[in-house]
Amino acid sequence: MLAALTQVPVTVSPVRRLPQLLVGLWLYGASMALQIRATLGLDPWDVLHEGLTKITGLSFGLITALVGVVVLLCWIPLRQRPGVGTVSNVVVIGLAVDVTLFLLPNPTDLLPRILFLTAGIVLNGLAAAVYIGARLGPGPRDGLTTGFCARTGTSLRLVRTVVEVAVLGIGWLLGGTIGIGTVLYAFAIGPLTQLFLPLVTWVSERPAS
């Protein structure tokens, strides 16, 4: 999906796409906060973030940003080049998570937790499509996956699965939350992102006939 997007030339000014990128990244961070407050299971990377938060005592948003920086450094041997979207991903998502966690209540009843989880997963799929559709550079984690694919010739599906399973395992060992939300996210996020992507992706401008 990401590779297909990067192969299409875009002539729309990056300045016009920047607001979409920032909105998408902020919504992505907000969706992560909703899933955290639901306490019904996180996506693999957030399981890792939560585990590191418990060990270090740092905020979830700060850990998210720091992990993004570390993953970004892994791009160097893969010869991946960051874009404005890559750098913004590290900064904006971490900030959005912390702000949203501060504003959101911490529900204890099951029904609001289910609503938070559902809203978080759907919003995550929309947010991913919005920021990817801006075509201003992949996030550190997306770039890591596509970088491995390019260097090894391995399929995106296999590399993404291996990375996600490895991250999930490490996060679980560190004390991250795994639950029904983890399973729902794993099965829903791909179709949701694919559903929203055509609606928000910038396309090449074509001269009038």
C-alpha atoms as a PDB file:
ATOM      1  CA  MET A   1       0.000   0.000   0.000  1.00  0.00           C
ATOM      2  CA  LEU A   2       2.705   2.502   1.006  1.00  0.00           C
ATOM      3  CA  ALA A   3       4.964   1.468  -1.836  1.00  0.00           C
ATOM      4  CA  ALA A   4       2.182   1.958  -4.352  1.00  0.00           C
ATOM      5  CA  LEU A   5       1.614   5.484  -3.110  1.00  0.00           C
ATOM      6  CA  THR A   6       5.243   6.499  -3.376  1.00  0.00           C
ATOM      7  CA  GLN A   7       5.432   5.387  -7.001  1.00  0.00           C
ATOM      8  CA  VAL A   8       2.840   7.931  -8.180  1.00  0.00           C
ATOM      9  CA  PRO A   9       4.270  11.372  -9.040  1.00  0.00           C
ATOM     10  CA  VAL A  10       2.595  14.238  -7.212  1.00  0.00           C
ATOM     11  CA  THR A  11       2.731  17.815  -8.442  1.00  0.00           C
ATOM     12  CA  VAL A  12       0.545  19.358  -5.712  1.00  0.00           C
ATOM     13  CA  SER A  13       2.493  21.856  -3.608  1.00  0.00           C
ATOM     14  CA  PRO A  14       3.726  20.323  -0.322  1.00  0.00           C
ATOM     15  CA  VAL A  15       2.534  23.478   1.457  1.00  0.00           C
ATOM     16  CA  ARG A  16      -1.052  22.620   0.564  1.00  0.00           C
ATOM     17  CA  ARG A  17      -0.608  19.094   1.892  1.00  0.00           C
ATOM     18  CA  LEU A  18       1.116  20.063   5.135  1.00  0.00           C
ATOM     19  CA  PRO A  19      -2.121  20.855   7.049  1.00  0.00           C
ATOM     20  CA  GLN A  20      -3.491  17.421   6.108  1.00  0.00           C
ATOM     21  CA  LEU A  21      -0.300  15.784   7.343  1.00  0.00           C
ATOM     22  CA  LEU A  22      -0.425  17.567  10.701  1.00  0.00           C
ATOM     23  CA  VAL A  23      -4.137  16.855  11.200  1.00  0.00           C
ATOM     24  CA  GLY A  24      -3.604  13.189  10.397  1.00  0.00           C
ATOM     25  CA  LEU A  25      -0.697  12.879  12.806  1.00  0.00           C
ATOM     26  CA  TRP A  26      -2.579  14.628  15.606  1.00  0.00           C
ATOM     27  CA  LEU A  27      -5.621  12.388  15.109  1.00  0.00           C
ATOM     28  CA  TYR A  28      -3.308   9.376  15.103  1.00  0.00           C
ATOM     29  CA  GLY A  29      -1.958  10.369  18.507  1.00  0.00           C
ATOM     30  CA  ALA A  30      -5.484  10.991  19.796  1.00  0.00           C
ATOM     31  CA  SER A  31      -6.572   7.547  18.592  1.00  0.00           C
ATOM     32  CA  MET A  32      -3.682   5.976  20.485  1.00  0.00           C
ATOM     33  CA  ALA A  33      -4.825   7.756  23.650  1.00  0.00           C
ATOM     34  CA  LEU A  34      -8.352   6.397  23.227  1.00  0.00           C
ATOM     35  CA  GLN A  35      -7.015   2.848  23.001  1.00  0.00           C
ATOM     36  CA  ILE A  36      -4.820   3.390  26.057  1.00  0.00           C
ATOM     37  CA  ARG A  37      -7.751   4.663  28.137  1.00  0.00           C
ATOM     38  CA  ALA A  38      -9.851   1.675  27.013  1.00  0.00           C
ATOM     39  CA  THR A  39      -7.339  -0.710  28.677  1.00  0.00           C
ATOM     40  CA  LEU A  40      -8.580  -3.555  26.477  1.00  0.00           C
ATOM     41  CA  GLY A  41      -5.366  -4.144  24.569  1.00  0.00           C
ATOM     42  CA  LEU A  42      -3.083  -1.988  22.433  1.00  0.00           C
ATOM     43  CA  ASP A  43      -1.600  -2.327  18.962  1.00  0.00           C
ATOM     44  CA  PRO A  44       1.875  -3.957  18.882  1.00  0.00           C
ATOM     45  CA  TRP A  45       3.924  -0.759  18.864  1.00  0.00           C
ATOM     46  CA  ASP A  46       1.860   0.745  21.665  1.00  0.00           C
ATOM     47  CA  VAL A  47       2.327  -2.436  23.704  1.00  0.00           C
ATOM     48  CA  LEU A  48       6.048  -1.722  23.433  1.00  0.00           C
ATOM     49  CA  HIS A  49       5.552   1.960  24.277  1.00  0.00           C
ATOM     50  CA  GLU A  50       3.471   1.113  27.339  1.00  0.00           C
ATOM     51  CA  GLY A  51       6.010  -1.432  28.547  1.00  0.00           C
ATOM     52  CA  LEU A  52       8.822   1.101  28.244  1.00  0.00           C
ATOM     53  CA  THR A  53       6.659   3.708  30.004  1.00  0.00           C
ATOM     54  CA  LYS A  54       6.190   1.380  32.978  1.00  0.00           C
ATOM     55  CA  ILE A  55       9.916   0.691  33.202  1.00  0.00           C
ATOM     56  CA  THR A  56      11.211   4.230  32.705  1.00  0.00           C
ATOM     57  CA  GLY A  57       8.441   6.320  34.251  1.00  0.00           C
ATOM     58  CA  LEU A  58       8.464   8.629  31.217  1.00  0.00           C
ATOM     59  CA  SER A  59       5.215   9.780  29.616  1.00  0.00           C
ATOM     60  CA  PHE A  60       3.639   7.658  26.884  1.00  0.00           C
ATOM     61  CA  GLY A  61       4.005  10.451  24.355  1.00  0.00           C
ATOM     62  CA  LEU A  62       7.686  10.993  25.143  1.00  0.00           C
ATOM     63  CA  ILE A  63       8.395   7.263  24.865  1.00  0.00           C
ATOM     64  CA  THR A  64       6.554   7.199  21.528  1.00  0.00           C
ATOM     65  CA  ALA A  65       8.752  10.018  20.232  1.00  0.00           C
ATOM     66  CA  LEU A  66      11.982   8.454  21.563  1.00  0.00           C
ATOM     67  CA  VAL A  67      11.187   5.077  20.001  1.00  0.00           C
ATOM     68  CA  GLY A  68      10.471   6.902  16.744  1.00  0.00           C
ATOM     69  CA  VAL A  69      13.930   8.468  16.862  1.00  0.00           C
ATOM     70  CA  VAL A  70      15.582   5.094  17.522  1.00  0.00           C
ATOM     71  CA  VAL A  71      13.671   3.488  14.647  1.00  0.00           C
ATOM     72  CA  LEU A  72      14.616   6.416  12.443  1.00  0.00           C
ATOM     73  CA  LEU A  73      18.297   5.742  13.145  1.00  0.00           C
ATOM     74  CA  CYS A  74      17.724   2.212  11.828  1.00  0.00           C
ATOM     75  CA  TRP A  75      16.967   3.800   8.449  1.00  0.00           C
ATOM     76  CA  ILE A  76      20.654   4.683   7.992  1.00  0.00           C
ATOM     77  CA  PRO A  77      21.906   1.199   7.015  1.00  0.00           C
ATOM     78  CA  LEU A  78      18.728   0.746   4.959  1.00  0.00           C
ATOM     79  CA  ARG A  79      19.496   3.970   3.036  1.00  0.00           C
ATOM     80  CA  GLN A  80      16.042   5.351   3.613  1.00  0.00           C
ATOM     81  CA  ARG A  81      15.546   9.113   3.311  1.00  0.00           C
ATOM     82  CA  PRO A  82      13.191  10.915   5.705  1.00  0.00           C
ATOM     83  CA  GLY A  83      10.777  13.606   4.598  1.00  0.00           C
ATOM     84  CA  VAL A  84       8.940  16.343   6.428  1.00  0.00           C
ATOM     85  CA  GLY A  85       6.247  13.798   7.264  1.00  0.00           C
ATOM     86  CA  THR A  86       8.829  11.536   8.890  1.00  0.00           C
ATOM     87  CA  VAL A  87      10.142  14.226  11.232  1.00  0.00           C
ATOM     88  CA  SER A  88       6.648  15.534  11.977  1.00  0.00           C
ATOM     89  CA  ASN A  89       5.554  11.997  12.811  1.00  0.00           C
ATOM     90  CA  VAL A  90       8.088  11.765  15.637  1.00  0.00           C
ATOM     91  CA  VAL A  91       7.145  15.125  17.176  1.00  0.00           C
ATOM     92  CA  VAL A  92       3.408  15.540  16.619  1.00  0.00           C
ATOM     93  CA  ILE A  93       2.143  12.066  17.527  1.00  0.00           C
ATOM     94  CA  GLY A  94       3.973  12.017  20.857  1.00  0.00           C
ATOM     95  CA  LEU A  95       2.610  15.443  21.774  1.00  0.00           C
ATOM     96  CA  ALA A  96      -0.930  14.525  20.687  1.00  0.00           C
ATOM     97  CA  VAL A  97      -0.907  11.375  22.827  1.00  0.00           C
ATOM     98  CA  ASP A  98       0.083  13.231  25.988  1.00  0.00           C
ATOM     99  CA  VAL A  99      -2.400  16.083  25.443  1.00  0.00           C
ATOM    100  CA  THR A 100      -5.290  13.711  24.693  1.00  0.00           C
ATOM    101  CA  LEU A 101      -4.482  11.494  27.681  1.00  0.00           C
ATOM    102  CA  PHE A 102      -4.566  14.599  29.875  1.00  0.00           C
ATOM    103  CA  LEU A 103      -8.011  15.571  28.547  1.00  0.00           C
ATOM    104  CA  LEU A 104      -9.669  12.152  28.425  1.00  0.00           C
ATOM    105  CA  PRO A 105     -11.407  10.589  31.440  1.00  0.00           C
ATOM    106  CA  ASN A 106     -10.258   7.217  32.733  1.00  0.00           C
ATOM    107  CA  PRO A 107     -13.398   5.033  32.507  1.00  0.00           C
ATOM    108  CA  THR A 108     -13.808   1.934  34.646  1.00  0.00           C
ATOM    109  CA  ASP A 109     -17.131   0.598  33.298  1.00  0.00           C
ATOM    110  CA  LEU A 110     -16.949  -1.820  30.389  1.00  0.00           C
ATOM    111  CA  LEU A 111     -19.298   0.027  27.996  1.00  0.00           C
ATOM    112  CA  PRO A 112     -17.337   3.303  27.793  1.00  0.00           C
ATOM    113  CA  ARG A 113     -14.122   1.326  27.508  1.00  0.00           C
ATOM    114  CA  ILE A 114     -15.550  -0.562  24.528  1.00  0.00           C
ATOM    115  CA  LEU A 115     -16.635   2.745  22.974  1.00  0.00           C
ATOM    116  CA  PHE A 116     -13.160   4.193  23.511  1.00  0.00           C
ATOM    117  CA  LEU A 117     -11.575   1.127  21.924  1.00  0.00           C
ATOM    118  CA  THR A 118     -13.893   1.149  18.912  1.00  0.00           C
ATOM    119  CA  ALA A 119     -13.486   4.882  18.367  1.00  0.00           C
ATOM    120  CA  GLY A 120      -9.727   4.572  18.773  1.00  0.00           C
ATOM    121  CA  ILE A 121      -9.346   1.842  16.169  1.00  0.00           C
ATOM    122  CA  VAL A 122     -11.595   3.534  13.602  1.00  0.00           C
ATOM    123  CA  LEU A 123      -9.931   6.914  14.178  1.00  0.00           C
ATOM    124  CA  ASN A 124      -6.511   5.279  13.882  1.00  0.00           C
ATOM    125  CA  GLY A 125      -7.392   3.879  10.464  1.00  0.00           C
ATOM    126  CA  LEU A 126      -8.696   7.257   9.300  1.00  0.00           C
ATOM    127  CA  ALA A 127      -5.721   9.141  10.730  1.00  0.00           C
ATOM    128  CA  ALA A 128      -3.224   6.782   9.104  1.00  0.00           C
ATOM    129  CA  ALA A 129      -4.914   7.273   5.740  1.00  0.00           C
ATOM    130  CA  VAL A 130      -4.944  11.061   6.201  1.00  0.00           C
ATOM    131  CA  TYR A 131      -1.246  11.411   6.979  1.00  0.00           C
ATOM    132  CA  ILE A 132      -0.117   8.779   4.466  1.00  0.00           C
ATOM    133  CA  GLY A 133      -2.368  10.367   1.840  1.00  0.00           C
ATOM    134  CA  ALA A 134      -0.529  13.677   2.252  1.00  0.00           C
ATOM    135  CA  ARG A 135       2.510  11.980   0.649  1.00  0.00           C
ATOM    136  CA  LEU A 136       5.124  13.945   2.560  1.00  0.00           C
ATOM    137  CA  GLY A 137       7.179  11.027   3.831  1.00  0.00           C
ATOM    138  CA  PRO A 138       6.388   7.842   5.776  1.00  0.00           C
ATOM    139  CA  GLY A 139       6.582   7.558   9.533  1.00  0.00           C
ATOM    140  CA  PRO A 140       9.670   5.919  11.078  1.00  0.00           C
ATOM    141  CA  ARG A 141       7.939   2.563  11.562  1.00  0.00           C
ATOM    142  CA  ASP A 142       6.448   2.495   8.044  1.00  0.00           C
ATOM    143  CA  GLY A 143       9.815   3.450   6.552  1.00  0.00           C
ATOM    144  CA  LEU A 144      11.551   0.699   8.505  1.00  0.00           C
ATOM    145  CA  THR A 145       9.219  -1.877   6.982  1.00  0.00           C
ATOM    146  CA  THR A 146       9.507  -0.610   3.410  1.00  0.00           C
ATOM    147  CA  GLY A 147      13.283  -0.213   3.846  1.00  0.00           C
ATOM    148  CA  PHE A 148      13.690  -3.864   4.791  1.00  0.00           C
ATOM    149  CA  CYS A 149      11.538  -4.848   1.827  1.00  0.00           C
ATOM    150  CA  ALA A 150      13.661  -2.819  -0.577  1.00  0.00           C
ATOM    151  CA  ARG A 151      16.974  -4.124   0.772  1.00  0.00           C
ATOM    152  CA  THR A 152      16.020  -7.800   1.071  1.00  0.00           C
ATOM    153  CA  GLY A 153      13.457  -8.228  -1.697  1.00  0.00           C
ATOM    154  CA  THR A 154      11.062  -9.722   0.843  1.00  0.00           C
ATOM    155  CA  SER A 155       7.322  -9.101   0.587  1.00  0.00           C
ATOM    156  CA  LEU A 156       5.819  -6.239   2.557  1.00  0.00           C
ATOM    157  CA  ARG A 157       3.331  -8.600   4.185  1.00  0.00           C
ATOM    158  CA  LEU A 158       6.051 -10.880   5.556  1.00  0.00           C
ATOM    159  CA  VAL A 159       8.305  -8.077   6.783  1.00  0.00           C
ATOM    160  CA  ARG A 160       5.414  -6.197   8.415  1.00  0.00           C
ATOM    161  CA  THR A 161       4.241  -9.375  10.151  1.00  0.00           C
ATOM    162  CA  VAL A 162       7.718 -10.224  11.467  1.00  0.00           C
ATOM    163  CA  VAL A 163       8.275  -6.674  12.730  1.00  0.00           C
ATOM    164  CA  GLU A 164       4.864  -6.457  14.397  1.00  0.00           C
ATOM    165  CA  VAL A 165       5.221  -9.855  16.096  1.00  0.00           C
ATOM    166  CA  ALA A 166       8.720  -9.025  17.325  1.00  0.00           C
ATOM    167  CA  VAL A 167       7.619  -5.647  18.683  1.00  0.00           C
ATOM    168  CA  LEU A 168       4.559  -7.213  20.321  1.00  0.00           C
ATOM    169  CA  GLY A 169       6.672  -9.886  22.004  1.00  0.00           C
ATOM    170  CA  ILE A 170       9.170  -7.381  23.399  1.00  0.00           C
ATOM    171  CA  GLY A 171       6.376  -5.092  24.581  1.00  0.00           C
ATOM    172  CA  TRP A 172       4.596  -7.960  26.319  1.00  0.00           C
ATOM    173  CA  LEU A 173       7.782  -8.998  28.099  1.00  0.00           C
ATOM    174  CA  LEU A 174       8.146  -5.400  29.317  1.00  0.00           C
ATOM    175  CA  GLY A 175       4.623  -5.390  30.741  1.00  0.00           C
ATOM    176  CA  GLY A 176       2.586  -3.871  27.899  1.00  0.00           C
ATOM    177  CA  THR A 177      -1.162  -4.499  27.712  1.00  0.00           C
ATOM    178  CA  ILE A 178      -2.351  -7.240  25.354  1.00  0.00           C
ATOM    179  CA  GLY A 179      -6.040  -8.024  25.010  1.00  0.00           C
ATOM    180  CA  ILE A 180      -9.014  -8.209  22.719  1.00  0.00           C
ATOM    181  CA  GLY A 181      -8.153  -4.738  21.447  1.00  0.00           C
ATOM    182  CA  THR A 182      -4.816  -6.033  20.172  1.00  0.00           C
ATOM    183  CA  VAL A 183      -6.560  -8.697  18.109  1.00  0.00           C
ATOM    184  CA  LEU A 184      -9.237  -6.325  16.822  1.00  0.00           C
ATOM    185  CA  TYR A 185      -6.617  -3.769  15.831  1.00  0.00           C
ATOM    186  CA  ALA A 186      -4.541  -6.371  13.994  1.00  0.00           C
ATOM    187  CA  PHE A 187      -7.483  -7.467  11.854  1.00  0.00           C
ATOM    188  CA  ALA A 188      -9.203  -4.094  11.388  1.00  0.00           C
ATOM    189  CA  ILE A 189      -6.474  -1.527  10.839  1.00  0.00           C
ATOM    190  CA  GLY A 190      -5.468  -2.675   7.344  1.00  0.00           C
ATOM    191  CA  PRO A 191      -8.993  -2.731   5.867  1.00  0.00           C
ATOM    192  CA  LEU A 192      -9.910   0.546   7.599  1.00  0.00           C
ATOM    193  CA  THR A 193      -6.849   2.375   6.295  1.00  0.00           C
ATOM    194  CA  GLN A 194      -7.447   0.988   2.802  1.00  0.00           C
ATOM    195  CA  LEU A 195     -11.088   2.103   2.984  1.00  0.00           C
ATOM    196  CA  PHE A 196     -10.249   5.703   3.886  1.00  0.00           C
ATOM    197  CA  LEU A 197      -7.110   6.095   1.757  1.00  0.00           C
ATOM    198  CA  PRO A 198      -8.751   6.815  -1.636  1.00  0.00           C
ATOM    199  CA  LEU A 199     -10.842   9.551  -0.013  1.00  0.00           C
ATOM    200  CA  VAL A 200      -7.907  11.550   1.358  1.00  0.00           C
ATOM    201  CA  THR A 201      -4.951  10.838  -0.949  1.00  0.00           C
ATOM    202  CA  TRP A 202      -3.539  13.694  -2.982  1.00  0.00           C
ATOM    203  CA  VAL A 203      -3.412  12.885  -6.710  1.00  0.00           C
ATOM    204  CA  SER A 204      -1.364  14.365  -9.504  1.00  0.00           C
ATOM    205  CA  GLU A 205      -2.749  17.481 -11.077  1.00  0.00           C
ATOM    206  CA  ARG A 206      -3.593  16.893 -14.721  1.00  0.00           C
ATOM    207  CA  PRO A 207      -3.781  19.623 -17.354  1.00  0.00           C
ATOM    208  CA  ALA A 208      -7.274  20.371 -18.595  1.00  0.00           C
ATOM    209  CA  SER A 209      -8.078  18.742 -21.909  1.00  0.00           C
END
